[in-house]
Amino acid sequence: MHAPIPENFVHATNTAMRRYVVPFLESMLQDGSVLVDAGFVDGDGLAKTVDAEFLKGPHGEMDRTLFQIASTEIGLRGLSGGAE
């Protein structure tokens, strides 16, 4: 038997991204980034994207690419012995 409405976690994901990913990316841009320093991510473009996502407000759907960038940055920092 299938549920009448499939579960949807978009709201929870968007909330988590606003609460954790956007502030992490902002600090990453201010304090330095493995991805930006190595040239894999354009720092200016990322800053513009983070600002645009922040301006969407609490109900706008977040760009999932930001999660991928943040998680890759955290992983690389972990491998290099850097702080989170």
N, C-alpha and C. Protein backbone atom coordinates (compact mmCIF):
# COMPACT_ATOMS: atom_id res chain seq x y z
N MET A 1 0.84 -1.18 0.00
CA MET A 1 0.00 0.00 0.00
C MET A 1 0.89 1.25 0.00
N HIS A 2 0.52 2.20 -0.80
CA HIS A 2 1.29 3.44 -0.91
C HIS A 2 0.59 4.55 -0.13
N ALA A 3 1.40 5.42 0.44
CA ALA A 3 0.85 6.59 1.13
C ALA A 3 0.16 7.48 0.10
N PRO A 4 -0.94 8.15 0.48
CA PRO A 4 -1.65 8.99 -0.48
C PRO A 4 -0.80 10.17 -0.96
N ILE A 5 0.06 10.67 -0.11
CA ILE A 5 0.96 11.77 -0.49
C ILE A 5 2.37 11.35 -0.10
N PRO A 6 3.28 11.27 -1.08
CA PRO A 6 4.65 10.88 -0.73
C PRO A 6 5.27 11.91 0.21
N GLU A 7 6.13 11.40 1.09
CA GLU A 7 6.81 12.32 2.01
C GLU A 7 7.73 13.24 1.22
N ASN A 8 7.83 14.46 1.69
CA ASN A 8 8.63 15.45 1.01
C ASN A 8 9.43 16.20 2.07
N PHE A 9 10.73 16.15 1.95
CA PHE A 9 11.60 16.78 2.95
C PHE A 9 12.24 18.08 2.44
N VAL A 10 11.69 18.64 1.38
CA VAL A 10 12.25 19.87 0.81
C VAL A 10 12.26 20.99 1.84
N HIS A 11 11.19 21.14 2.60
CA HIS A 11 11.12 22.21 3.59
C HIS A 11 12.22 22.04 4.65
N ALA A 12 12.38 20.81 5.14
CA ALA A 12 13.41 20.55 6.15
C ALA A 12 14.81 20.76 5.58
N THR A 13 15.01 20.34 4.34
CA THR A 13 16.32 20.52 3.70
C THR A 13 16.63 22.00 3.51
N ASN A 14 15.66 22.75 3.04
CA ASN A 14 15.87 24.19 2.84
C ASN A 14 16.17 24.89 4.17
N THR A 15 15.46 24.51 5.22
CA THR A 15 15.70 25.10 6.54
C THR A 15 17.11 24.79 7.02
N ALA A 16 17.53 23.54 6.87
CA ALA A 16 18.88 23.15 7.29
C ALA A 16 19.94 23.88 6.49
N MET A 17 19.70 24.04 5.21
CA MET A 17 20.68 24.75 4.38
C MET A 17 20.80 26.21 4.80
N ARG A 18 19.66 26.85 5.10
CA ARG A 18 19.72 28.24 5.55
C ARG A 18 20.43 28.36 6.89
N ARG A 19 20.18 27.41 7.77
CA ARG A 19 20.71 27.48 9.13
C ARG A 19 22.19 27.12 9.20
N TYR A 20 22.63 26.16 8.37
CA TYR A 20 24.00 25.65 8.52
C TYR A 20 24.89 25.87 7.30
N VAL A 21 24.38 25.62 6.11
CA VAL A 21 25.22 25.68 4.91
C VAL A 21 25.57 27.11 4.54
N VAL A 22 24.58 27.99 4.50
CA VAL A 22 24.85 29.38 4.11
C VAL A 22 25.84 30.05 5.07
N PRO A 23 25.66 29.94 6.40
CA PRO A 23 26.67 30.54 7.30
C PRO A 23 28.05 29.91 7.14
N PHE A 24 28.11 28.59 6.90
CA PHE A 24 29.41 27.96 6.69
C PHE A 24 30.07 28.52 5.44
N LEU A 25 29.32 28.66 4.36
CA LEU A 25 29.89 29.19 3.12
C LEU A 25 30.34 30.64 3.30
N GLU A 26 29.57 31.41 4.05
CA GLU A 26 29.98 32.80 4.31
C GLU A 26 31.30 32.83 5.08
N SER A 27 31.45 31.98 6.09
CA SER A 27 32.70 31.94 6.85
C SER A 27 33.84 31.40 5.98
N MET A 28 33.52 30.46 5.12
CA MET A 28 34.51 29.90 4.21
C MET A 28 35.06 30.99 3.28
N LEU A 29 34.17 31.85 2.79
CA LEU A 29 34.59 32.93 1.90
C LEU A 29 35.43 33.97 2.64
N GLN A 30 35.14 34.20 3.90
CA GLN A 30 35.88 35.19 4.69
C GLN A 30 37.21 34.65 5.18
N ASP A 31 37.22 33.39 5.63
CA ASP A 31 38.38 32.82 6.31
C ASP A 31 39.31 32.02 5.41
N GLY A 32 38.91 31.78 4.19
CA GLY A 32 39.72 30.99 3.27
C GLY A 32 39.08 29.65 2.99
N SER A 33 39.36 29.14 1.80
CA SER A 33 38.71 27.92 1.34
C SER A 33 39.69 27.11 0.51
N VAL A 34 39.72 25.81 0.76
CA VAL A 34 40.55 24.92 -0.03
C VAL A 34 40.10 24.96 -1.49
N LEU A 35 38.79 24.88 -1.72
CA LEU A 35 38.26 24.86 -3.09
C LEU A 35 38.52 26.16 -3.84
N VAL A 36 38.35 27.29 -3.17
CA VAL A 36 38.58 28.59 -3.81
C VAL A 36 40.07 28.79 -4.04
N ASP A 37 40.88 28.51 -3.03
CA ASP A 37 42.33 28.70 -3.15
C ASP A 37 42.93 27.84 -4.26
N ALA A 38 42.38 26.64 -4.47
CA ALA A 38 42.88 25.74 -5.50
C ALA A 38 42.30 26.05 -6.88
N GLY A 39 41.34 26.98 -6.94
CA GLY A 39 40.76 27.37 -8.22
C GLY A 39 39.61 26.50 -8.69
N PHE A 40 39.12 25.60 -7.84
CA PHE A 40 38.00 24.74 -8.23
C PHE A 40 36.66 25.46 -8.15
N VAL A 41 36.58 26.48 -7.30
CA VAL A 41 35.35 27.26 -7.14
C VAL A 41 35.71 28.74 -7.26
N ASP A 42 34.93 29.47 -8.04
CA ASP A 42 35.12 30.91 -8.18
C ASP A 42 34.56 31.60 -6.94
N GLY A 43 35.44 32.22 -6.15
CA GLY A 43 35.02 32.86 -4.91
C GLY A 43 34.00 33.96 -5.11
N ASP A 44 34.20 34.79 -6.13
CA ASP A 44 33.24 35.88 -6.38
C ASP A 44 31.88 35.34 -6.80
N GLY A 45 31.89 34.33 -7.64
CA GLY A 45 30.63 33.71 -8.07
C GLY A 45 29.92 33.04 -6.92
N LEU A 46 30.69 32.38 -6.05
CA LEU A 46 30.09 31.73 -4.89
C LEU A 46 29.49 32.77 -3.96
N ALA A 47 30.20 33.88 -3.75
CA ALA A 47 29.68 34.93 -2.88
C ALA A 47 28.36 35.49 -3.42
N LYS A 48 28.29 35.70 -4.72
CA LYS A 48 27.05 36.20 -5.33
C LYS A 48 25.91 35.19 -5.19
N THR A 49 26.23 33.93 -5.36
CA THR A 49 25.21 32.89 -5.24
C THR A 49 24.71 32.78 -3.81
N VAL A 50 25.63 32.82 -2.85
CA VAL A 50 25.24 32.76 -1.43
C VAL A 50 24.34 33.94 -1.08
N ASP A 51 24.71 35.14 -1.56
CA ASP A 51 23.88 36.33 -1.30
C ASP A 51 22.49 36.16 -1.92
N ALA A 52 22.43 35.66 -3.14
CA ALA A 52 21.15 35.47 -3.82
C ALA A 52 20.28 34.45 -3.09
N GLU A 53 20.90 33.39 -2.59
CA GLU A 53 20.15 32.37 -1.85
C GLU A 53 19.62 32.94 -0.54
N PHE A 54 20.42 33.74 0.12
CA PHE A 54 20.01 34.35 1.38
C PHE A 54 18.79 35.26 1.16
N LEU A 55 18.76 35.95 0.03
CA LEU A 55 17.67 36.89 -0.26
C LEU A 55 16.37 36.20 -0.66
N LYS A 56 16.39 34.92 -0.92
CA LYS A 56 15.17 34.21 -1.32
C LYS A 56 14.13 34.19 -0.21
N GLY A 57 14.55 34.34 1.02
CA GLY A 57 13.60 34.30 2.12
C GLY A 57 13.38 32.89 2.61
N PRO A 58 12.59 32.75 3.65
CA PRO A 58 12.45 31.46 4.33
C PRO A 58 11.71 30.38 3.54
N HIS A 59 11.03 30.74 2.47
CA HIS A 59 10.24 29.75 1.75
C HIS A 59 10.77 29.43 0.36
N GLY A 60 11.83 30.11 -0.06
CA GLY A 60 12.40 29.83 -1.37
C GLY A 60 13.23 28.56 -1.35
N GLU A 61 13.22 27.83 -2.44
CA GLU A 61 13.99 26.59 -2.51
C GLU A 61 15.47 26.91 -2.74
N MET A 62 16.31 26.29 -1.94
CA MET A 62 17.75 26.54 -1.97
C MET A 62 18.42 25.77 -3.11
N ASP A 63 19.53 26.31 -3.59
CA ASP A 63 20.35 25.68 -4.63
C ASP A 63 21.14 24.55 -3.98
N ARG A 64 20.87 23.31 -4.35
CA ARG A 64 21.53 22.15 -3.73
C ARG A 64 23.03 22.10 -4.04
N THR A 65 23.48 22.80 -5.05
CA THR A 65 24.91 22.85 -5.36
C THR A 65 25.69 23.42 -4.19
N LEU A 66 25.08 24.33 -3.43
CA LEU A 66 25.77 24.91 -2.28
C LEU A 66 26.09 23.84 -1.23
N PHE A 67 25.20 22.87 -1.06
CA PHE A 67 25.47 21.78 -0.13
C PHE A 67 26.66 20.96 -0.62
N GLN A 68 26.72 20.69 -1.91
CA GLN A 68 27.82 19.92 -2.46
C GLN A 68 29.16 20.65 -2.27
N ILE A 69 29.15 21.95 -2.47
CA ILE A 69 30.38 22.73 -2.27
C ILE A 69 30.79 22.69 -0.80
N ALA A 70 29.84 22.92 0.10
CA ALA A 70 30.16 22.92 1.53
C ALA A 70 30.65 21.56 1.99
N SER A 71 29.99 20.49 1.57
CA SER A 71 30.40 19.16 2.02
C SER A 71 31.77 18.77 1.45
N THR A 72 32.06 19.17 0.22
CA THR A 72 33.37 18.90 -0.36
C THR A 72 34.45 19.68 0.38
N GLU A 73 34.17 20.94 0.70
CA GLU A 73 35.12 21.76 1.46
C GLU A 73 35.41 21.13 2.82
N ILE A 74 34.37 20.70 3.52
CA ILE A 74 34.56 20.07 4.83
C ILE A 74 35.38 18.79 4.70
N GLY A 75 35.09 17.99 3.69
CA GLY A 75 35.85 16.76 3.48
C GLY A 75 37.31 17.02 3.19
N LEU A 76 37.59 18.00 2.34
CA LEU A 76 38.98 18.34 2.02
C LEU A 76 39.72 18.88 3.23
N ARG A 77 39.03 19.67 4.03
CA ARG A 77 39.66 20.18 5.26
C ARG A 77 39.99 19.03 6.21
N GLY A 78 39.09 18.07 6.29
CA GLY A 78 39.32 16.91 7.15
C GLY A 78 40.51 16.10 6.67
N LEU A 79 40.63 15.91 5.35
CA LEU A 79 41.76 15.16 4.82
C LEU A 79 43.09 15.87 5.01
N SER A 80 43.03 17.21 4.97
CA SER A 80 44.27 17.98 5.10
C SER A 80 44.59 18.31 6.54
N GLY A 81 43.74 17.88 7.47
CA GLY A 81 43.98 18.15 8.89
C GLY A 81 43.55 19.54 9.32
N GLY A 82 42.84 20.28 8.42
CA GLY A 82 42.36 21.62 8.76
C GLY A 82 41.11 21.56 9.61
N ALA A 83 40.80 22.68 10.22
CA ALA A 83 39.61 22.76 11.07
C ALA A 83 38.36 22.82 10.20
N GLU A 84 37.24 22.42 10.79
CA GLU A 84 35.92 22.49 10.12
C GLU A 84 35.56 23.92 10.00
